[in-house]
Amino acid sequence: QNLTREHWTLEEVNRKLENKMVKAFNDVHKVAKQEESDMRTAALMLGVGRVSDAIKTLGLWP
């Protein structure tokens, strides 16, 4: 879809979305267990960490 001009069926869209949602949940759940925090705080920690990694990778911060 979009730039690749692929066409997905509703089932494909739902499958891809479910895969992403399950992975996101598992990532947050893992951080919550490791840090002994609630899921909301774990999601924030994960998000901030990912942004930090991207900034370091792209060299956007001195």
PDB file of N, CA and C in Angstrom:
ATOM      1  N   GLN A   1       0.835  -1.178   0.000  1.00  0.00           N
ATOM      2  CA  GLN A   1       0.000   0.000   0.000  1.00  0.00           C
ATOM      3  C   GLN A   1       0.879   1.239   0.000  1.00  0.00           C
ATOM      4  N   ASN A   2       0.286   2.349  -0.251  1.00  0.00           N
ATOM      5  CA  ASN A   2       1.001   3.621  -0.283  1.00  0.00           C
ATOM      6  C   ASN A   2       2.130   3.614  -1.308  1.00  0.00           C
ATOM      7  N   LEU A   3       3.369   3.845  -0.872  1.00  0.00           N
ATOM      8  CA  LEU A   3       4.487   4.023  -1.799  1.00  0.00           C
ATOM      9  C   LEU A   3       4.817   2.771  -2.601  1.00  0.00           C
ATOM     10  N   THR A   4       4.586   1.605  -2.036  1.00  0.00           N
ATOM     11  CA  THR A   4       4.909   0.370  -2.750  1.00  0.00           C
ATOM     12  C   THR A   4       3.775  -0.096  -3.649  1.00  0.00           C
ATOM     13  N   ARG A   5       2.661   0.586  -3.598  1.00  0.00           N
ATOM     14  CA  ARG A   5       1.485   0.284  -4.416  1.00  0.00           C
ATOM     15  C   ARG A   5       0.967  -1.143  -4.213  1.00  0.00           C
ATOM     16  N   GLU A   6       1.162  -1.663  -3.005  1.00  0.00           N
ATOM     17  CA  GLU A   6       0.608  -2.970  -2.674  1.00  0.00           C
ATOM     18  C   GLU A   6      -0.852  -2.790  -2.287  1.00  0.00           C
ATOM     19  N   HIS A   7      -1.604  -3.835  -2.434  1.00  0.00           N
ATOM     20  CA  HIS A   7      -2.995  -3.815  -1.997  1.00  0.00           C
ATOM     21  C   HIS A   7      -3.182  -4.939  -0.996  1.00  0.00           C
ATOM     22  N   TRP A   8      -3.621  -4.590   0.199  1.00  0.00           N
ATOM     23  CA  TRP A   8      -3.813  -5.570   1.255  1.00  0.00           C
ATOM     24  C   TRP A   8      -5.296  -5.831   1.459  1.00  0.00           C
ATOM     25  N   THR A   9      -5.606  -7.059   1.764  1.00  0.00           N
ATOM     26  CA  THR A   9      -6.982  -7.392   2.126  1.00  0.00           C
ATOM     27  C   THR A   9      -7.212  -6.955   3.571  1.00  0.00           C
ATOM     28  N   LEU A  10      -8.460  -6.909   3.964  1.00  0.00           N
ATOM     29  CA  LEU A  10      -8.793  -6.560   5.344  1.00  0.00           C
ATOM     30  C   LEU A  10      -8.132  -7.538   6.313  1.00  0.00           C
ATOM     31  N   GLU A  11      -8.092  -8.800   5.950  1.00  0.00           N
ATOM     32  CA  GLU A  11      -7.470  -9.808   6.809  1.00  0.00           C
ATOM     33  C   GLU A  11      -5.976  -9.536   6.984  1.00  0.00           C
ATOM     34  N   GLU A  12      -5.302  -9.153   5.899  1.00  0.00           N
ATOM     35  CA  GLU A  12      -3.872  -8.833   5.986  1.00  0.00           C
ATOM     36  C   GLU A  12      -3.636  -7.620   6.875  1.00  0.00           C
ATOM     37  N   VAL A  13      -4.458  -6.608   6.717  1.00  0.00           N
ATOM     38  CA  VAL A  13      -4.331  -5.400   7.540  1.00  0.00           C
ATOM     39  C   VAL A  13      -4.501  -5.765   9.008  1.00  0.00           C
ATOM     40  N   ASN A  14      -5.539  -6.529   9.309  1.00  0.00           N
ATOM     41  CA  ASN A  14      -5.792  -6.921  10.697  1.00  0.00           C
ATOM     42  C   ASN A  14      -4.676  -7.786  11.263  1.00  0.00           C
ATOM     43  N   ARG A  15      -4.131  -8.688  10.450  1.00  0.00           N
ATOM     44  CA  ARG A  15      -3.033  -9.542  10.904  1.00  0.00           C
ATOM     45  C   ARG A  15      -1.790  -8.715  11.200  1.00  0.00           C
ATOM     46  N   LYS A  16      -1.454  -7.800  10.291  1.00  0.00           N
ATOM     47  CA  LYS A  16      -0.281  -6.946  10.491  1.00  0.00           C
ATOM     48  C   LYS A  16      -0.455  -6.060  11.722  1.00  0.00           C
ATOM     49  N   LEU A  17      -1.650  -5.513  11.896  1.00  0.00           N
ATOM     50  CA  LEU A  17      -1.922  -4.672  13.059  1.00  0.00           C
ATOM     51  C   LEU A  17      -1.819  -5.482  14.344  1.00  0.00           C
ATOM     52  N   GLU A  18      -2.394  -6.677  14.340  1.00  0.00           N
ATOM     53  CA  GLU A  18      -2.330  -7.513  15.542  1.00  0.00           C
ATOM     54  C   GLU A  18      -0.886  -7.852  15.891  1.00  0.00           C
ATOM     55  N   ASN A  19      -0.075  -8.177  14.893  1.00  0.00           N
ATOM     56  CA  ASN A  19       1.338  -8.480  15.145  1.00  0.00           C
ATOM     57  C   ASN A  19       2.047  -7.299  15.791  1.00  0.00           C
ATOM     58  N   LYS A  20       1.795  -6.100  15.283  1.00  0.00           N
ATOM     59  CA  LYS A  20       2.424  -4.905  15.851  1.00  0.00           C
ATOM     60  C   LYS A  20       1.947  -4.643  17.277  1.00  0.00           C
ATOM     61  N   MET A  21       0.653  -4.816  17.512  1.00  0.00           N
ATOM     62  CA  MET A  21       0.099  -4.565  18.839  1.00  0.00           C
ATOM     63  C   MET A  21       0.610  -5.581  19.861  1.00  0.00           C
ATOM     64  N   VAL A  22       0.704  -6.843  19.456  1.00  0.00           N
ATOM     65  CA  VAL A  22       1.204  -7.877  20.363  1.00  0.00           C
ATOM     66  C   VAL A  22       2.669  -7.613  20.694  1.00  0.00           C
ATOM     67  N   LYS A  23       3.465  -7.241  19.687  1.00  0.00           N
ATOM     68  CA  LYS A  23       4.877  -6.936  19.940  1.00  0.00           C
ATOM     69  C   LYS A  23       5.011  -5.736  20.867  1.00  0.00           C
ATOM     70  N   ALA A  24       4.222  -4.698  20.634  1.00  0.00           N
ATOM     71  CA  ALA A  24       4.273  -3.506  21.485  1.00  0.00           C
ATOM     72  C   ALA A  24       3.916  -3.866  22.925  1.00  0.00           C
ATOM     73  N   PHE A  25       2.860  -4.650  23.105  1.00  0.00           N
ATOM     74  CA  PHE A  25       2.474  -5.068  24.453  1.00  0.00           C
ATOM     75  C   PHE A  25       3.594  -5.858  25.115  1.00  0.00           C
ATOM     76  N   ASN A  26       4.155  -6.820  24.390  1.00  0.00           N
ATOM     77  CA  ASN A  26       5.219  -7.652  24.959  1.00  0.00           C
ATOM     78  C   ASN A  26       6.438  -6.826  25.343  1.00  0.00           C
ATOM     79  N   ASP A  27       6.802  -5.856  24.508  1.00  0.00           N
ATOM     80  CA  ASP A  27       7.938  -4.983  24.817  1.00  0.00           C
ATOM     81  C   ASP A  27       7.685  -4.192  26.096  1.00  0.00           C
ATOM     82  N   VAL A  28       6.492  -3.610  26.220  1.00  0.00           N
ATOM     83  CA  VAL A  28       6.156  -2.817  27.405  1.00  0.00           C
ATOM     84  C   VAL A  28       6.070  -3.717  28.636  1.00  0.00           C
ATOM     85  N   HIS A  29       5.470  -4.873  28.488  1.00  0.00           N
ATOM     86  CA  HIS A  29       5.334  -5.801  29.615  1.00  0.00           C
ATOM     87  C   HIS A  29       6.704  -6.231  30.135  1.00  0.00           C
ATOM     88  N   LYS A  30       7.627  -6.483  29.218  1.00  0.00           N
ATOM     89  CA  LYS A  30       8.986  -6.884  29.602  1.00  0.00           C
ATOM     90  C   LYS A  30       9.668  -5.780  30.414  1.00  0.00           C
ATOM     91  N   VAL A  31       9.557  -4.535  29.952  1.00  0.00           N
ATOM     92  CA  VAL A  31      10.156  -3.411  30.676  1.00  0.00           C
ATOM     93  C   VAL A  31       9.491  -3.246  32.039  1.00  0.00           C
ATOM     94  N   ALA A  32       8.172  -3.388  32.097  1.00  0.00           N
ATOM     95  CA  ALA A  32       7.448  -3.251  33.364  1.00  0.00           C
ATOM     96  C   ALA A  32       7.935  -4.281  34.380  1.00  0.00           C
ATOM     97  N   LYS A  33       8.160  -5.507  33.930  1.00  0.00           N
ATOM     98  CA  LYS A  33       8.653  -6.545  34.838  1.00  0.00           C
ATOM     99  C   LYS A  33      10.089  -6.260  35.264  1.00  0.00           C
ATOM    100  N   GLN A  34      10.935  -5.867  34.306  1.00  0.00           N
ATOM    101  CA  GLN A  34      12.342  -5.610  34.614  1.00  0.00           C
ATOM    102  C   GLN A  34      12.503  -4.452  35.591  1.00  0.00           C
ATOM    103  N   GLU A  35      11.724  -3.407  35.385  1.00  0.00           N
ATOM    104  CA  GLU A  35      11.859  -2.193  36.188  1.00  0.00           C
ATOM    105  C   GLU A  35      10.899  -2.154  37.377  1.00  0.00           C
ATOM    106  N   GLU A  36      10.083  -3.207  37.503  1.00  0.00           N
ATOM    107  CA  GLU A  36       9.079  -3.283  38.569  1.00  0.00           C
ATOM    108  C   GLU A  36       8.217  -2.023  38.594  1.00  0.00           C
ATOM    109  N   SER A  37       7.670  -1.694  37.432  1.00  0.00           N
ATOM    110  CA  SER A  37       6.838  -0.498  37.296  1.00  0.00           C
ATOM    111  C   SER A  37       5.497  -0.879  36.685  1.00  0.00           C
ATOM    112  N   ASP A  38       4.596   0.103  36.634  1.00  0.00           N
ATOM    113  CA  ASP A  38       3.323  -0.137  35.970  1.00  0.00           C
ATOM    114  C   ASP A  38       3.526  -0.026  34.455  1.00  0.00           C
ATOM    115  N   MET A  39       2.525  -0.481  33.723  1.00  0.00           N
ATOM    116  CA  MET A  39       2.632  -0.528  32.256  1.00  0.00           C
ATOM    117  C   MET A  39       2.759   0.868  31.645  1.00  0.00           C
ATOM    118  N   ARG A  40       2.054   1.840  32.206  1.00  0.00           N
ATOM    119  CA  ARG A  40       2.110   3.198  31.655  1.00  0.00           C
ATOM    120  C   ARG A  40       3.521   3.770  31.767  1.00  0.00           C
ATOM    121  N   THR A  41       4.123   3.619  32.937  1.00  0.00           N
ATOM    122  CA  THR A  41       5.480   4.117  33.139  1.00  0.00           C
ATOM    123  C   THR A  41       6.465   3.353  32.263  1.00  0.00           C
ATOM    124  N   ALA A  42       6.254   2.052  32.145  1.00  0.00           N
ATOM    125  CA  ALA A  42       7.129   1.239  31.295  1.00  0.00           C
ATOM    126  C   ALA A  42       7.043   1.682  29.840  1.00  0.00           C
ATOM    127  N   ALA A  43       5.838   2.005  29.371  1.00  0.00           N
ATOM    128  CA  ALA A  43       5.675   2.476  27.993  1.00  0.00           C
ATOM    129  C   ALA A  43       6.419   3.793  27.786  1.00  0.00           C
ATOM    130  N   LEU A  44       6.348   4.675  28.776  1.00  0.00           N
ATOM    131  CA  LEU A  44       7.062   5.948  28.687  1.00  0.00           C
ATOM    132  C   LEU A  44       8.571   5.711  28.657  1.00  0.00           C
ATOM    133  N   MET A  45       9.057   4.844  29.541  1.00  0.00           N
ATOM    134  CA  MET A  45      10.494   4.542  29.564  1.00  0.00           C
ATOM    135  C   MET A  45      10.952   3.974  28.225  1.00  0.00           C
ATOM    136  N   LEU A  46      10.171   3.067  27.686  1.00  0.00           N
ATOM    137  CA  LEU A  46      10.512   2.453  26.403  1.00  0.00           C
ATOM    138  C   LEU A  46      10.529   3.498  25.289  1.00  0.00           C
ATOM    139  N   GLY A  47       9.537   4.357  25.266  1.00  0.00           N
ATOM    140  CA  GLY A  47       9.457   5.393  24.237  1.00  0.00           C
ATOM    141  C   GLY A  47      10.606   6.385  24.318  1.00  0.00           C
ATOM    142  N   VAL A  48      10.897   6.843  25.529  1.00  0.00           N
ATOM    143  CA  VAL A  48      12.004   7.790  25.711  1.00  0.00           C
ATOM    144  C   VAL A  48      13.325   7.129  25.321  1.00  0.00           C
ATOM    145  N   GLY A  49      13.486   5.871  25.688  1.00  0.00           N
ATOM    146  CA  GLY A  49      14.704   5.146  25.321  1.00  0.00           C
ATOM    147  C   GLY A  49      14.868   5.018  23.817  1.00  0.00           C
ATOM    148  N   ARG A  50      13.765   4.765  23.128  1.00  0.00           N
ATOM    149  CA  ARG A  50      13.828   4.632  21.666  1.00  0.00           C
ATOM    150  C   ARG A  50      14.157   5.963  20.999  1.00  0.00           C
ATOM    151  N   VAL A  51      13.588   7.041  21.502  1.00  0.00           N
ATOM    152  CA  VAL A  51      13.902   8.364  20.954  1.00  0.00           C
ATOM    153  C   VAL A  51      15.366   8.691  21.213  1.00  0.00           C
ATOM    154  N   SER A  52      15.834   8.388  22.420  1.00  0.00           N
ATOM    155  CA  SER A  52      17.234   8.625  22.758  1.00  0.00           C
ATOM    156  C   SER A  52      18.166   7.846  21.835  1.00  0.00           C
ATOM    157  N   ASP A  53      17.844   6.585  21.591  1.00  0.00           N
ATOM    158  CA  ASP A  53      18.659   5.766  20.681  1.00  0.00           C
ATOM    159  C   ASP A  53      18.675   6.351  19.272  1.00  0.00           C
ATOM    160  N   ALA A  54      17.526   6.822  18.804  1.00  0.00           N
ATOM    161  CA  ALA A  54      17.444   7.401  17.459  1.00  0.00           C
ATOM    162  C   ALA A  54      18.286   8.666  17.363  1.00  0.00           C
ATOM    163  N   ILE A  55      18.222   9.493  18.397  1.00  0.00           N
ATOM    164  CA  ILE A  55      19.010  10.730  18.397  1.00  0.00           C
ATOM    165  C   ILE A  55      20.501  10.404  18.356  1.00  0.00           C
ATOM    166  N   LYS A  56      20.918   9.427  19.158  1.00  0.00           N
ATOM    167  CA  LYS A  56      22.331   9.031  19.168  1.00  0.00           C
ATOM    168  C   LYS A  56      22.753   8.469  17.814  1.00  0.00           C
ATOM    169  N   THR A  57      21.902   7.644  17.231  1.00  0.00           N
ATOM    170  CA  THR A  57      22.215   7.021  15.943  1.00  0.00           C
ATOM    171  C   THR A  57      22.337   8.058  14.833  1.00  0.00           C
ATOM    172  N   LEU A  58      21.433   9.027  14.841  1.00  0.00           N
ATOM    173  CA  LEU A  58      21.430  10.044  13.791  1.00  0.00           C
ATOM    174  C   LEU A  58      22.412  11.174  14.056  1.00  0.00           C
ATOM    175  N   GLY A  59      22.966  11.205  15.258  1.00  0.00           N
ATOM    176  CA  GLY A  59      23.924  12.244  15.598  1.00  0.00           C
ATOM    177  C   GLY A  59      23.293  13.617  15.709  1.00  0.00           C
ATOM    178  N   LEU A  60      22.068  13.676  16.211  1.00  0.00           N
ATOM    179  CA  LEU A  60      21.369  14.955  16.306  1.00  0.00           C
ATOM    180  C   LEU A  60      21.645  15.691  17.605  1.00  0.00           C
ATOM    181  N   TRP A  61      22.408  15.090  18.477  1.00  0.00           N
ATOM    182  CA  TRP A  61      22.670  15.709  19.773  1.00  0.00           C
ATOM    183  C   TRP A  61      24.172  15.788  19.963  1.00  0.00           C
ATOM    184  N   PRO A  62      24.654  16.929  20.456  1.00  0.00           N
ATOM    185  CA  PRO A  62      26.114  17.057  20.625  1.00  0.00           C
ATOM    186  C   PRO A  62      26.698  16.072  21.610  1.00  0.00           C
TER     187      PRO A  62
END
